[in-house]
PDB file of N, CA and C in Angstrom:
ATOM      1  N   MET A   1      15.753 -23.116 -26.134  1.00  0.00           N
ATOM      2  CA  MET A   1      14.907 -22.333 -25.354  1.00  0.00           C
ATOM      3  C   MET A   1      15.302 -22.529 -23.813  1.00  0.00           C
ATOM      4  N   SER A   2      15.315 -21.408 -23.116  1.00  0.00           N
ATOM      5  CA  SER A   2      15.645 -21.414 -21.688  1.00  0.00           C
ATOM      6  C   SER A   2      14.450 -21.341 -20.814  1.00  0.00           C
ATOM      7  N   CYS A   3      14.502 -21.959 -19.682  1.00  0.00           N
ATOM      8  CA  CYS A   3      13.530 -21.808 -18.645  1.00  0.00           C
ATOM      9  C   CYS A   3      13.208 -20.431 -18.205  1.00  0.00           C
ATOM     10  N   PRO A   4      12.008 -19.952 -18.276  1.00  0.00           N
ATOM     11  CA  PRO A   4      11.783 -18.555 -17.755  1.00  0.00           C
ATOM     12  C   PRO A   4      11.924 -18.235 -16.371  1.00  0.00           C
ATOM     13  N   ILE A   5      12.021 -19.352 -15.576  1.00  0.00           N
ATOM     14  CA  ILE A   5      12.208 -19.170 -14.109  1.00  0.00           C
ATOM     15  C   ILE A   5      13.741 -19.187 -13.731  1.00  0.00           C
ATOM     16  N   CYS A   6      14.495 -20.204 -14.185  1.00  0.00           N
ATOM     17  CA  CYS A   6      15.861 -20.286 -13.702  1.00  0.00           C
ATOM     18  C   CYS A   6      16.844 -20.274 -14.913  1.00  0.00           C
ATOM     19  N   GLN A   7      16.433 -20.167 -16.158  1.00  0.00           N
ATOM     20  CA  GLN A   7      17.250 -19.947 -17.179  1.00  0.00           C
ATOM     21  C   GLN A   7      18.099 -21.124 -17.762  1.00  0.00           C
ATOM     22  N   LYS A   8      17.799 -22.277 -17.083  1.00  0.00           N
ATOM     23  CA  LYS A   8      18.399 -23.539 -17.573  1.00  0.00           C
ATOM     24  C   LYS A   8      17.676 -23.938 -18.841  1.00  0.00           C
ATOM     25  N   ASP A   9      18.290 -24.960 -19.617  1.00  0.00           N
ATOM     26  CA  ASP A   9      17.672 -25.443 -20.771  1.00  0.00           C
ATOM     27  C   ASP A   9      16.286 -26.111 -20.425  1.00  0.00           C
ATOM     28  N   ALA A  10      15.383 -25.814 -21.315  1.00  0.00           N
ATOM     29  CA  ALA A  10      13.963 -26.367 -21.171  1.00  0.00           C
ATOM     30  C   ALA A  10      14.050 -27.971 -21.449  1.00  0.00           C
ATOM     31  N   VAL A  11      13.147 -28.609 -20.746  1.00  0.00           N
ATOM     32  CA  VAL A  11      13.091 -30.045 -20.968  1.00  0.00           C
ATOM     33  C   VAL A  11      11.721 -30.274 -21.674  1.00  0.00           C
ATOM     34  N   GLN A  12      11.609 -31.086 -22.728  1.00  0.00           N
ATOM     35  CA  GLN A  12      10.391 -31.274 -23.573  1.00  0.00           C
ATOM     36  C   GLN A  12       9.207 -31.519 -22.626  1.00  0.00           C
ATOM     37  N   LYS A  13       9.339 -32.428 -21.642  1.00  0.00           N
ATOM     38  CA  LYS A  13       8.153 -32.900 -20.757  1.00  0.00           C
ATOM     39  C   LYS A  13       7.600 -31.627 -20.023  1.00  0.00           C
ATOM     40  N   TYR A  14       8.390 -30.671 -19.779  1.00  0.00           N
ATOM     41  CA  TYR A  14       7.837 -29.509 -18.927  1.00  0.00           C
ATOM     42  C   TYR A  14       7.948 -28.224 -19.788  1.00  0.00           C
ATOM     43  N   ARG A  15       8.152 -28.247 -20.970  1.00  0.00           N
ATOM     44  CA  ARG A  15       8.425 -27.102 -21.745  1.00  0.00           C
ATOM     45  C   ARG A  15       7.355 -25.973 -21.562  1.00  0.00           C
ATOM     46  N   PRO A  16       7.677 -24.790 -21.347  1.00  0.00           N
ATOM     47  CA  PRO A  16       8.886 -24.164 -21.580  1.00  0.00           C
ATOM     48  C   PRO A  16       9.843 -24.163 -20.357  1.00  0.00           C
ATOM     49  N   PHE A  17       9.469 -24.936 -19.295  1.00  0.00           N
ATOM     50  CA  PHE A  17      10.300 -24.988 -18.139  1.00  0.00           C
ATOM     51  C   PHE A  17      11.318 -26.200 -18.179  1.00  0.00           C
ATOM     52  N   CYS A  18      12.255 -26.105 -17.205  1.00  0.00           N
ATOM     53  CA  CYS A  18      13.266 -27.223 -17.116  1.00  0.00           C
ATOM     54  C   CYS A  18      12.727 -28.370 -16.222  1.00  0.00           C
ATOM     55  N   SER A  19      11.829 -28.095 -15.324  1.00  0.00           N
ATOM     56  CA  SER A  19      11.381 -29.062 -14.446  1.00  0.00           C
ATOM     57  C   SER A  19      10.038 -28.823 -13.894  1.00  0.00           C
ATOM     58  N   LYS A  20       9.573 -29.854 -13.151  1.00  0.00           N
ATOM     59  CA  LYS A  20       8.206 -29.612 -12.548  1.00  0.00           C
ATOM     60  C   LYS A  20       8.273 -28.573 -11.465  1.00  0.00           C
ATOM     61  N   ARG A  21       9.401 -28.401 -10.825  1.00  0.00           N
ATOM     62  CA  ARG A  21       9.624 -27.442  -9.674  1.00  0.00           C
ATOM     63  C   ARG A  21       9.432 -26.020 -10.348  1.00  0.00           C
ATOM     64  N   CYS A  22      10.080 -25.668 -11.523  1.00  0.00           N
ATOM     65  CA  CYS A  22       9.982 -24.365 -12.122  1.00  0.00           C
ATOM     66  C   CYS A  22       8.514 -24.181 -12.668  1.00  0.00           C
ATOM     67  N   ALA A  23       7.911 -25.255 -13.157  1.00  0.00           N
ATOM     68  CA  ALA A  23       6.534 -25.018 -13.604  1.00  0.00           C
ATOM     69  C   ALA A  23       5.619 -24.775 -12.498  1.00  0.00           C
ATOM     70  N   ASP A  24       5.760 -25.410 -11.374  1.00  0.00           N
ATOM     71  CA  ASP A  24       5.034 -25.116 -10.123  1.00  0.00           C
ATOM     72  C   ASP A  24       5.314 -23.689  -9.558  1.00  0.00           C
ATOM     73  N   ILE A  25       6.524 -23.245  -9.643  1.00  0.00           N
ATOM     74  CA  ILE A  25       6.799 -21.796  -9.223  1.00  0.00           C
ATOM     75  C   ILE A  25       6.020 -20.904 -10.099  1.00  0.00           C
ATOM     76  N   ASP A  26       6.060 -21.087 -11.431  1.00  0.00           N
ATOM     77  CA  ASP A  26       5.317 -20.276 -12.369  1.00  0.00           C
ATOM     78  C   ASP A  26       3.810 -20.338 -11.935  1.00  0.00           C
ATOM     79  N   LEU A  27       3.194 -21.484 -11.872  1.00  0.00           N
ATOM     80  CA  LEU A  27       1.828 -21.524 -11.455  1.00  0.00           C
ATOM     81  C   LEU A  27       1.500 -20.832 -10.181  1.00  0.00           C
ATOM     82  N   GLY A  28       2.368 -20.932  -9.251  1.00  0.00           N
ATOM     83  CA  GLY A  28       2.245 -20.281  -7.942  1.00  0.00           C
ATOM     84  C   GLY A  28       2.191 -18.705  -8.156  1.00  0.00           C
ATOM     85  N   LYS A  29       3.065 -18.221  -9.081  1.00  0.00           N
ATOM     86  CA  LYS A  29       3.051 -16.785  -9.390  1.00  0.00           C
ATOM     87  C   LYS A  29       1.704 -16.340  -9.970  1.00  0.00           C
ATOM     88  N   TRP A  30       1.120 -17.137 -10.895  1.00  0.00           N
ATOM     89  CA  TRP A  30      -0.127 -16.814 -11.502  1.00  0.00           C
ATOM     90  C   TRP A  30      -1.263 -16.852 -10.397  1.00  0.00           C
ATOM     91  N   MET A  31      -1.232 -17.911  -9.569  1.00  0.00           N
ATOM     92  CA  MET A  31      -2.182 -18.077  -8.495  1.00  0.00           C
ATOM     93  C   MET A  31      -2.247 -16.914  -7.432  1.00  0.00           C
ATOM     94  N   SER A  32      -0.983 -16.493  -7.222  1.00  0.00           N
ATOM     95  CA  SER A  32      -0.894 -15.439  -6.111  1.00  0.00           C
ATOM     96  C   SER A  32      -1.099 -13.962  -6.600  1.00  0.00           C
ATOM     97  N   GLY A  33      -1.298 -13.879  -7.940  1.00  0.00           N
ATOM     98  CA  GLY A  33      -1.488 -12.508  -8.578  1.00  0.00           C
ATOM     99  C   GLY A  33      -0.116 -11.797  -8.930  1.00  0.00           C
ATOM    100  N   GLN A  34       0.989 -12.470  -8.748  1.00  0.00           N
ATOM    101  CA  GLN A  34       2.174 -11.902  -9.162  1.00  0.00           C
ATOM    102  C   GLN A  34       2.193 -11.541 -10.674  1.00  0.00           C
ATOM    103  N   TYR A  35       1.554 -12.438 -11.488  1.00  0.00           N
ATOM    104  CA  TYR A  35       1.380 -12.248 -12.888  1.00  0.00           C
ATOM    105  C   TYR A  35      -0.011 -11.714 -13.079  1.00  0.00           C
ATOM    106  N   ALA A  36      -0.257 -10.952 -14.085  1.00  0.00           N
ATOM    107  CA  ALA A  36      -1.645 -10.555 -14.442  1.00  0.00           C
ATOM    108  C   ALA A  36      -1.660 -10.152 -15.974  1.00  0.00           C
ATOM    109  N   VAL A  37      -2.746 -10.272 -16.491  1.00  0.00           N
ATOM    110  CA  VAL A  37      -2.962  -9.854 -17.959  1.00  0.00           C
ATOM    111  C   VAL A  37      -3.719  -8.608 -17.889  1.00  0.00           C
ATOM    112  N   ALA A  38      -3.156  -7.566 -18.281  1.00  0.00           N
ATOM    113  CA  ALA A  38      -3.844  -6.261 -18.314  1.00  0.00           C
ATOM    114  C   ALA A  38      -5.025  -6.193 -19.332  1.00  0.00           C
ATOM    115  N   SER A  39      -6.078  -5.547 -18.865  1.00  0.00           N
ATOM    116  CA  SER A  39      -7.209  -5.389 -19.706  1.00  0.00           C
ATOM    117  C   SER A  39      -7.365  -4.008 -20.206  1.00  0.00           C
ATOM    118  N   THR A  40      -7.665  -3.819 -21.427  1.00  0.00           N
ATOM    119  CA  THR A  40      -7.936  -2.418 -21.898  1.00  0.00           C
ATOM    120  C   THR A  40      -9.436  -2.085 -22.059  1.00  0.00           C
ATOM    121  N   ARG A  41     -10.215  -3.066 -21.538  1.00  0.00           N
ATOM    122  CA  ARG A  41     -11.774  -2.799 -21.578  1.00  0.00           C
ATOM    123  C   ARG A  41     -12.134  -1.922 -20.467  1.00  0.00           C
ATOM    124  N   GLU A  42     -12.784  -0.846 -20.714  1.00  0.00           N
ATOM    125  CA  GLU A  42     -13.210   0.112 -19.791  1.00  0.00           C
ATOM    126  C   GLU A  42     -14.190  -0.547 -18.723  1.00  0.00           C
ATOM    127  N   GLU A  43     -14.986  -1.459 -19.228  1.00  0.00           N
ATOM    128  CA  GLU A  43     -15.976  -2.149 -18.379  1.00  0.00           C
ATOM    129  C   GLU A  43     -15.242  -2.867 -17.214  1.00  0.00           C
ATOM    130  N   ASP A  44     -14.069  -3.530 -17.524  1.00  0.00           N
ATOM    131  CA  ASP A  44     -13.441  -4.225 -16.585  1.00  0.00           C
ATOM    132  C   ASP A  44     -12.986  -3.258 -15.394  1.00  0.00           C
ATOM    133  N   ALA A  45     -12.519  -2.130 -15.628  1.00  0.00           N
ATOM    134  CA  ALA A  45     -12.108  -1.203 -14.499  1.00  0.00           C
ATOM    135  C   ALA A  45     -13.306  -0.813 -13.727  1.00  0.00           C
ATOM    136  N   GLU A  46     -14.438  -0.559 -14.386  1.00  0.00           N
ATOM    137  CA  GLU A  46     -15.656  -0.240 -13.692  1.00  0.00           C
ATOM    138  C   GLU A  46     -16.143  -1.342 -12.854  1.00  0.00           C
ATOM    139  N   GLU A  47     -16.078  -2.571 -13.253  1.00  0.00           N
ATOM    140  CA  GLU A  47     -16.456  -3.721 -12.490  1.00  0.00           C
ATOM    141  C   GLU A  47     -15.550  -3.855 -11.213  1.00  0.00           C
ATOM    142  N   VAL A  48     -14.286  -3.636 -11.442  1.00  0.00           N
ATOM    143  CA  VAL A  48     -13.329  -3.690 -10.234  1.00  0.00           C
ATOM    144  C   VAL A  48     -13.670  -2.578  -9.290  1.00  0.00           C
ATOM    145  N   MET A  49     -13.853  -1.407  -9.656  1.00  0.00           N
ATOM    146  CA  MET A  49     -14.244  -0.310  -8.864  1.00  0.00           C
ATOM    147  C   MET A  49     -15.455  -0.557  -8.048  1.00  0.00           C
ATOM    148  N   ASP A  50     -16.562  -1.144  -8.755  1.00  0.00           N
ATOM    149  CA  ASP A  50     -17.853  -1.499  -8.041  1.00  0.00           C
ATOM    150  C   ASP A  50     -17.638  -2.531  -6.992  1.00  0.00           C
ATOM    151  N   ALA A  51     -16.920  -3.537  -7.321  1.00  0.00           N
ATOM    152  CA  ALA A  51     -16.613  -4.672  -6.428  1.00  0.00           C
ATOM    153  C   ALA A  51     -15.784  -4.120  -5.220  1.00  0.00           C
ATOM    154  N   LEU A  52     -14.758  -3.223  -5.433  1.00  0.00           N
ATOM    155  CA  LEU A  52     -14.069  -2.692  -4.296  1.00  0.00           C
ATOM    156  C   LEU A  52     -14.857  -1.800  -3.391  1.00  0.00           C
ATOM    157  N   GLU A  53     -15.662  -0.997  -4.059  1.00  0.00           N
ATOM    158  CA  GLU A  53     -16.604  -0.158  -3.178  1.00  0.00           C
ATOM    159  C   GLU A  53     -17.638  -1.016  -2.369  1.00  0.00           C
ATOM    160  N   GLU A  54     -18.046  -2.050  -2.966  1.00  0.00           N
ATOM    161  CA  GLU A  54     -18.963  -3.020  -2.329  1.00  0.00           C
ATOM    162  C   GLU A  54     -18.186  -3.681  -1.055  1.00  0.00           C
ATOM    163  N   ALA A  55     -17.026  -4.032  -1.350  1.00  0.00           N
ATOM    164  CA  ALA A  55     -16.338  -4.830  -0.236  1.00  0.00           C
ATOM    165  C   ALA A  55     -15.936  -3.764   0.847  1.00  0.00           C
ATOM    166  N   LEU A  56     -15.635  -2.550   0.606  1.00  0.00           N
ATOM    167  CA  LEU A  56     -15.311  -1.549   1.547  1.00  0.00           C
ATOM    168  C   LEU A  56     -16.533  -1.061   2.353  1.00  0.00           C
ATOM    169  N   SER A  57     -17.639  -1.077   1.784  1.00  0.00           N
ATOM    170  CA  SER A  57     -18.862  -0.601   2.439  1.00  0.00           C
ATOM    171  C   SER A  57     -19.544  -1.688   3.211  1.00  0.00           C
ATOM    172  N   ASN A  58     -19.270  -3.029   2.874  1.00  0.00           N
ATOM    173  CA  ASN A  58     -19.846  -4.067   3.657  1.00  0.00           C
ATOM    174  C   ASN A  58     -18.786  -5.070   4.045  1.00  0.00           C
ATOM    175  N   PRO A  59     -17.965  -4.629   5.044  1.00  0.00           N
ATOM    176  CA  PRO A  59     -16.895  -5.659   5.476  1.00  0.00           C
ATOM    177  C   PRO A  59     -17.584  -6.844   6.226  1.00  0.00           C
ATOM    178  N   THR A  60     -16.975  -7.917   5.970  1.00  0.00           N
ATOM    179  CA  THR A  60     -17.429  -9.111   6.844  1.00  0.00           C
ATOM    180  C   THR A  60     -16.436  -9.430   7.912  1.00  0.00           C
ATOM    181  N   ASP A  61     -16.810 -10.336   8.791  1.00  0.00           N
ATOM    182  CA  ASP A  61     -15.852 -10.663   9.901  1.00  0.00           C
ATOM    183  C   ASP A  61     -14.657 -11.308   9.331  1.00  0.00           C
ATOM    184  N   ASP A  62     -14.675 -12.058   8.183  1.00  0.00           N
ATOM    185  CA  ASP A  62     -13.429 -12.553   7.504  1.00  0.00           C
ATOM    186  C   ASP A  62     -12.525 -11.453   6.963  1.00  0.00           C
ATOM    187  N   ASP A  63     -13.112 -10.420   6.524  1.00  0.00           N
ATOM    188  CA  ASP A  63     -12.313  -9.267   6.041  1.00  0.00           C
ATOM    189  C   ASP A  63     -11.664  -8.610   7.188  1.00  0.00           C
ATOM    190  N   ALA A  64     -12.277  -8.467   8.334  1.00  0.00           N
ATOM    191  CA  ALA A  64     -11.747  -7.799   9.546  1.00  0.00           C
ATOM    192  C   ALA A  64     -10.571  -8.672  10.050  1.00  0.00           C
ATOM    193  N   SER A  65     -10.680 -10.011   9.968  1.00  0.00           N
ATOM    194  CA  SER A  65      -9.637 -10.781  10.651  1.00  0.00           C
ATOM    195  C   SER A  65      -8.362 -10.719   9.701  1.00  0.00           C
ATOM    196  N   LYS A  66      -8.554 -10.472   8.412  1.00  0.00           N
ATOM    197  CA  LYS A  66      -7.422 -10.393   7.511  1.00  0.00           C
ATOM    198  C   LYS A  66      -6.534  -9.175   7.765  1.00  0.00           C
ATOM    199  N   LEU A  67      -7.193  -8.175   8.478  1.00  0.00           N
ATOM    200  CA  LEU A  67      -6.482  -6.898   8.638  1.00  0.00           C
ATOM    201  C   LEU A  67      -5.397  -7.057   9.885  1.00  0.00           C
ATOM    202  N   HIS A  68      -5.590  -8.102  10.611  1.00  0.00           N
ATOM    203  CA  HIS A  68      -4.764  -8.286  11.882  1.00  0.00           C
ATOM    204  C   HIS A  68      -3.704  -9.216  11.636  1.00  0.00           C
TER     205      HIS A  68
END
């Protein structure tokens, strides 16, 4: 099995990765949203739209500072 990040041989301790570094890179991708699991539930899309509409209609000072 090869590491999904760098394609080197996987090491049992970090499987399916070759090292802690590659495992951390993968975790960072999940945490930053680069990876996502798609949902087929219609309710999920509605919840996202409701949350987005709420955020756009009630901006906070924190939201405004992120735009600059």
